[in-house]
Amino acid sequence: MTADSKFRELAEHYDTTDLAEHIEQASWEDPETVREPMVTYALRLPKPVIDRLRATAEQRGIKVSTLMREWLEERLTLETADAEATVPVSALLALVAERGTRSAAS
């Protein structure tokens, strides 16, 4: 099947399918409720480092960018020793899972 025929098949599907139920179940995130805007920053890393990040993220079931963001936030929290700083719940869950795995392996 060519890309053109896939596109036509997809277009036909959405032209003839009632999506009202899906639209009713959808939710809209109001940009006003987002606490902090996200900014993209390009970072060059050696391939072995990226490979290790990907493996770790896959093991935890999260995206590489999420893992990197969590690790940076954790390190910044340690560096600033901010009393009001919080640690993401996913980081806590990953720590618990990691410790549980280590204990089970022992």
N, C-alpha and C. Protein backbone atom coordinates (compact mmCIF):
# COMPACT_ATOMS: atom_id res chain seq x y z
N MET A 1 0.84 -1.17 0.00
CA MET A 1 0.00 0.00 0.00
C MET A 1 0.90 1.24 0.00
N THR A 2 0.66 2.14 -0.91
CA THR A 2 1.48 3.34 -1.01
C THR A 2 1.01 4.39 -0.01
N ALA A 3 1.86 5.38 0.21
CA ALA A 3 1.52 6.46 1.14
C ALA A 3 0.28 7.20 0.66
N ASP A 4 0.15 7.37 -0.66
CA ASP A 4 -1.00 8.07 -1.21
C ASP A 4 -2.29 7.30 -0.95
N SER A 5 -2.25 5.98 -1.13
CA SER A 5 -3.45 5.19 -0.91
C SER A 5 -3.80 5.12 0.58
N LYS A 6 -2.78 5.11 1.44
CA LYS A 6 -3.04 5.17 2.89
C LYS A 6 -3.71 6.49 3.26
N PHE A 7 -3.21 7.56 2.67
CA PHE A 7 -3.78 8.88 2.94
C PHE A 7 -5.25 8.92 2.49
N ARG A 8 -5.51 8.41 1.31
CA ARG A 8 -6.89 8.40 0.79
C ARG A 8 -7.80 7.53 1.67
N GLU A 9 -7.28 6.39 2.13
CA GLU A 9 -8.06 5.52 3.00
C GLU A 9 -8.38 6.22 4.32
N LEU A 10 -7.40 6.90 4.86
CA LEU A 10 -7.58 7.64 6.10
C LEU A 10 -8.58 8.78 5.91
N ALA A 11 -8.45 9.50 4.82
CA ALA A 11 -9.38 10.59 4.52
C ALA A 11 -10.80 10.05 4.37
N GLU A 12 -10.95 8.94 3.69
CA GLU A 12 -12.27 8.31 3.52
C GLU A 12 -12.87 7.91 4.87
N HIS A 13 -12.04 7.35 5.73
CA HIS A 13 -12.50 6.95 7.06
C HIS A 13 -13.06 8.14 7.83
N TYR A 14 -12.31 9.24 7.87
CA TYR A 14 -12.75 10.40 8.63
C TYR A 14 -13.88 11.17 7.94
N ASP A 15 -13.98 11.03 6.63
CA ASP A 15 -15.10 11.66 5.91
C ASP A 15 -16.41 10.94 6.18
N THR A 16 -16.34 9.66 6.50
CA THR A 16 -17.56 8.86 6.65
C THR A 16 -17.82 8.39 8.09
N THR A 17 -16.99 8.78 9.02
CA THR A 17 -17.13 8.33 10.41
C THR A 17 -17.64 9.47 11.28
N ASP A 18 -18.62 9.15 12.13
CA ASP A 18 -19.16 10.14 13.07
C ASP A 18 -18.24 10.19 14.29
N LEU A 19 -17.63 11.31 14.51
CA LEU A 19 -16.69 11.48 15.62
C LEU A 19 -17.30 12.25 16.79
N ALA A 20 -18.60 12.45 16.78
CA ALA A 20 -19.26 13.25 17.81
C ALA A 20 -19.00 12.69 19.21
N GLU A 21 -19.08 11.38 19.36
CA GLU A 21 -18.87 10.77 20.69
C GLU A 21 -17.44 11.03 21.18
N HIS A 22 -16.48 10.91 20.30
CA HIS A 22 -15.09 11.16 20.68
C HIS A 22 -14.88 12.62 21.06
N ILE A 23 -15.51 13.51 20.31
CA ILE A 23 -15.36 14.93 20.58
C ILE A 23 -15.99 15.28 21.92
N GLU A 24 -17.15 14.69 22.23
CA GLU A 24 -17.81 14.94 23.52
C GLU A 24 -16.95 14.46 24.69
N GLN A 25 -16.19 13.40 24.51
CA GLN A 25 -15.36 12.84 25.58
C GLN A 25 -14.02 13.58 25.71
N ALA A 26 -13.69 14.37 24.73
CA ALA A 26 -12.40 15.06 24.74
C ALA A 26 -12.41 16.17 25.79
N SER A 27 -11.21 16.52 26.23
CA SER A 27 -11.10 17.62 27.18
C SER A 27 -10.16 18.67 26.61
N TRP A 28 -10.37 19.88 27.03
CA TRP A 28 -9.56 21.00 26.56
C TRP A 28 -8.77 21.54 27.73
N GLU A 29 -7.47 21.64 27.55
CA GLU A 29 -6.63 22.22 28.59
C GLU A 29 -6.50 23.71 28.31
N ASP A 30 -7.06 24.50 29.20
CA ASP A 30 -7.03 25.95 29.05
C ASP A 30 -5.60 26.44 29.26
N PRO A 31 -5.04 27.15 28.29
CA PRO A 31 -3.66 27.64 28.43
C PRO A 31 -3.47 28.51 29.67
N GLU A 32 -4.55 29.13 30.16
CA GLU A 32 -4.47 29.97 31.35
C GLU A 32 -4.19 29.15 32.60
N THR A 33 -4.52 27.84 32.59
CA THR A 33 -4.32 27.01 33.77
C THR A 33 -2.93 26.38 33.83
N VAL A 34 -2.17 26.48 32.76
CA VAL A 34 -0.82 25.94 32.74
C VAL A 34 0.06 26.83 33.62
N ARG A 35 0.69 26.22 34.62
CA ARG A 35 1.47 27.00 35.58
C ARG A 35 2.72 27.61 34.97
N GLU A 36 3.49 26.79 34.30
CA GLU A 36 4.76 27.26 33.75
C GLU A 36 4.86 26.91 32.28
N PRO A 37 5.20 27.88 31.46
CA PRO A 37 5.38 27.56 30.04
C PRO A 37 6.63 26.70 29.86
N MET A 38 6.60 25.81 28.89
CA MET A 38 7.75 24.96 28.60
C MET A 38 8.54 25.60 27.45
N VAL A 39 9.84 25.48 27.54
CA VAL A 39 10.75 26.03 26.54
C VAL A 39 11.62 24.89 26.02
N THR A 40 11.83 24.86 24.73
CA THR A 40 12.68 23.84 24.13
C THR A 40 14.12 24.33 24.10
N TYR A 41 15.04 23.43 24.44
CA TYR A 41 16.46 23.75 24.43
C TYR A 41 17.20 22.58 23.82
N ALA A 42 17.99 22.83 22.81
CA ALA A 42 18.76 21.77 22.15
C ALA A 42 20.00 21.47 22.97
N LEU A 43 20.28 20.19 23.14
CA LEU A 43 21.43 19.76 23.93
C LEU A 43 22.14 18.66 23.17
N ARG A 44 23.42 18.84 22.92
CA ARG A 44 24.21 17.82 22.23
C ARG A 44 24.87 16.93 23.26
N LEU A 45 24.63 15.63 23.14
CA LEU A 45 25.21 14.65 24.05
C LEU A 45 25.85 13.53 23.25
N PRO A 46 26.87 12.89 23.80
CA PRO A 46 27.47 11.75 23.11
C PRO A 46 26.45 10.62 22.95
N LYS A 47 26.54 9.87 21.87
CA LYS A 47 25.60 8.79 21.60
C LYS A 47 25.52 7.78 22.74
N PRO A 48 26.63 7.37 23.36
CA PRO A 48 26.51 6.41 24.47
C PRO A 48 25.67 6.96 25.63
N VAL A 49 25.75 8.26 25.87
CA VAL A 49 24.94 8.86 26.94
C VAL A 49 23.47 8.80 26.56
N ILE A 50 23.15 9.17 25.33
CA ILE A 50 21.76 9.10 24.86
C ILE A 50 21.25 7.67 24.92
N ASP A 51 22.07 6.72 24.52
CA ASP A 51 21.66 5.31 24.56
C ASP A 51 21.31 4.89 25.99
N ARG A 52 22.13 5.31 26.96
CA ARG A 52 21.86 4.98 28.36
C ARG A 52 20.59 5.66 28.85
N LEU A 53 20.40 6.91 28.43
CA LEU A 53 19.17 7.62 28.80
C LEU A 53 17.94 6.92 28.24
N ARG A 54 18.02 6.51 26.98
CA ARG A 54 16.89 5.81 26.35
C ARG A 54 16.58 4.50 27.08
N ALA A 55 17.61 3.76 27.42
CA ALA A 55 17.41 2.49 28.11
C ALA A 55 16.78 2.71 29.48
N THR A 56 17.26 3.70 30.20
CA THR A 56 16.72 4.00 31.52
C THR A 56 15.28 4.47 31.43
N ALA A 57 15.01 5.35 30.48
CA ALA A 57 13.64 5.86 30.30
C ALA A 57 12.69 4.72 29.92
N GLU A 58 13.14 3.85 29.04
CA GLU A 58 12.31 2.72 28.63
C GLU A 58 12.02 1.81 29.82
N GLN A 59 13.02 1.57 30.63
CA GLN A 59 12.85 0.73 31.82
C GLN A 59 11.82 1.33 32.77
N ARG A 60 11.80 2.64 32.87
CA ARG A 60 10.85 3.33 33.76
C ARG A 60 9.50 3.59 33.10
N GLY A 61 9.43 3.36 31.80
CA GLY A 61 8.17 3.57 31.08
C GLY A 61 7.85 5.04 30.84
N ILE A 62 8.89 5.87 30.67
CA ILE A 62 8.67 7.29 30.42
C ILE A 62 9.50 7.72 29.22
N LYS A 63 9.25 8.92 28.74
CA LYS A 63 10.00 9.46 27.61
C LYS A 63 11.37 9.93 28.09
N VAL A 64 12.33 9.93 27.17
CA VAL A 64 13.68 10.40 27.48
C VAL A 64 13.64 11.85 27.96
N SER A 65 12.86 12.68 27.29
CA SER A 65 12.78 14.09 27.69
C SER A 65 12.22 14.24 29.10
N THR A 66 11.28 13.39 29.47
CA THR A 66 10.72 13.43 30.83
C THR A 66 11.78 13.04 31.85
N LEU A 67 12.52 12.00 31.55
CA LEU A 67 13.59 11.56 32.44
C LEU A 67 14.64 12.66 32.61
N MET A 68 15.06 13.25 31.52
CA MET A 68 16.07 14.31 31.58
C MET A 68 15.55 15.51 32.39
N ARG A 69 14.29 15.88 32.15
CA ARG A 69 13.71 17.01 32.87
C ARG A 69 13.65 16.72 34.37
N GLU A 70 13.23 15.51 34.73
CA GLU A 70 13.15 15.14 36.15
C GLU A 70 14.52 15.17 36.80
N TRP A 71 15.52 14.62 36.11
CA TRP A 71 16.87 14.60 36.69
C TRP A 71 17.41 16.02 36.85
N LEU A 72 17.15 16.88 35.87
CA LEU A 72 17.61 18.26 35.99
C LEU A 72 16.90 18.98 37.14
N GLU A 73 15.60 18.75 37.27
CA GLU A 73 14.85 19.37 38.36
C GLU A 73 15.36 18.88 39.72
N GLU A 74 15.63 17.58 39.81
CA GLU A 74 16.15 17.03 41.06
C GLU A 74 17.49 17.66 41.41
N ARG A 75 18.37 17.75 40.43
CA ARG A 75 19.70 18.30 40.68
C ARG A 75 19.62 19.78 41.05
N LEU A 76 18.77 20.52 40.37
CA LEU A 76 18.61 21.93 40.70
C LEU A 76 18.04 22.10 42.11
N THR A 77 17.17 21.21 42.51
CA THR A 77 16.63 21.25 43.87
C THR A 77 17.75 21.04 44.87
N LEU A 78 18.62 20.09 44.60
CA LEU A 78 19.75 19.85 45.50
C LEU A 78 20.70 21.04 45.52
N GLU A 79 20.95 21.62 44.37
CA GLU A 79 21.88 22.75 44.27
C GLU A 79 21.36 23.99 44.98
N THR A 80 20.08 24.24 44.86
CA THR A 80 19.51 25.45 45.44
C THR A 80 19.06 25.26 46.88
N ALA A 81 18.89 23.99 47.29
CA ALA A 81 18.43 23.67 48.64
C ALA A 81 17.19 24.49 49.00
N ASP A 82 16.30 24.59 48.04
CA ASP A 82 15.07 25.35 48.22
C ASP A 82 14.10 24.57 49.09
N ALA A 83 13.70 25.14 50.21
CA ALA A 83 12.82 24.45 51.15
C ALA A 83 11.44 24.20 50.56
N GLU A 84 11.01 25.01 49.61
CA GLU A 84 9.69 24.86 49.03
C GLU A 84 9.70 24.02 47.75
N ALA A 85 10.84 23.55 47.34
CA ALA A 85 10.93 22.78 46.11
C ALA A 85 10.23 21.44 46.26
N THR A 86 9.68 20.96 45.17
CA THR A 86 8.99 19.67 45.19
C THR A 86 9.67 18.71 44.23
N VAL A 87 9.48 17.45 44.49
CA VAL A 87 10.01 16.40 43.62
C VAL A 87 8.81 15.79 42.90
N PRO A 88 8.90 15.60 41.59
CA PRO A 88 7.78 15.02 40.85
C PRO A 88 7.42 13.63 41.39
N VAL A 89 6.14 13.33 41.43
CA VAL A 89 5.68 12.03 41.91
C VAL A 89 6.28 10.91 41.08
N SER A 90 6.41 11.12 39.78
CA SER A 90 6.98 10.07 38.93
C SER A 90 8.42 9.75 39.33
N ALA A 91 9.16 10.75 39.82
CA ALA A 91 10.53 10.51 40.28
C ALA A 91 10.51 9.67 41.55
N LEU A 92 9.57 9.96 42.43
CA LEU A 92 9.45 9.17 43.66
C LEU A 92 9.06 7.73 43.35
N LEU A 93 8.11 7.56 42.42
CA LEU A 93 7.70 6.21 42.03
C LEU A 93 8.85 5.44 41.39
N ALA A 94 9.64 6.13 40.57
CA ALA A 94 10.79 5.48 39.94
C ALA A 94 11.80 5.06 40.99
N LEU A 95 12.01 5.90 42.00
CA LEU A 95 12.94 5.56 43.07
C LEU A 95 12.45 4.35 43.84
N VAL A 96 11.17 4.32 44.17
CA VAL A 96 10.60 3.18 44.89
C VAL A 96 10.73 1.91 44.06
N ALA A 97 10.44 2.01 42.77
CA ALA A 97 10.55 0.84 41.88
C ALA A 97 12.00 0.36 41.80
N GLU A 98 12.92 1.32 41.70
CA GLU A 98 14.34 0.98 41.60
C GLU A 98 14.82 0.28 42.88
N ARG A 99 14.43 0.83 44.01
CA ARG A 99 14.85 0.24 45.29
C ARG A 99 14.23 -1.13 45.47
N GLY A 100 12.97 -1.27 45.04
CA GLY A 100 12.29 -2.56 45.14
C GLY A 100 12.97 -3.61 44.28
N THR A 101 13.42 -3.22 43.10
CA THR A 101 14.12 -4.12 42.18
C THR A 101 15.45 -4.55 42.78
N ARG A 102 16.15 -3.59 43.37
CA ARG A 102 17.45 -3.90 43.98
C ARG A 102 17.27 -4.85 45.15
N SER A 103 16.24 -4.61 45.97
CA SER A 103 15.99 -5.47 47.13
C SER A 103 15.63 -6.88 46.70
N ALA A 104 14.82 -6.99 45.67
CA ALA A 104 14.40 -8.31 45.18
C ALA A 104 15.59 -9.08 44.59
N ALA A 105 16.53 -8.36 43.99
CA ALA A 105 17.69 -9.00 43.36
C ALA A 105 18.69 -9.46 44.40
N SER A 106 18.66 -8.85 45.57
CA SER A 106 19.65 -9.19 46.62
C SER A 106 19.38 -10.53 47.25
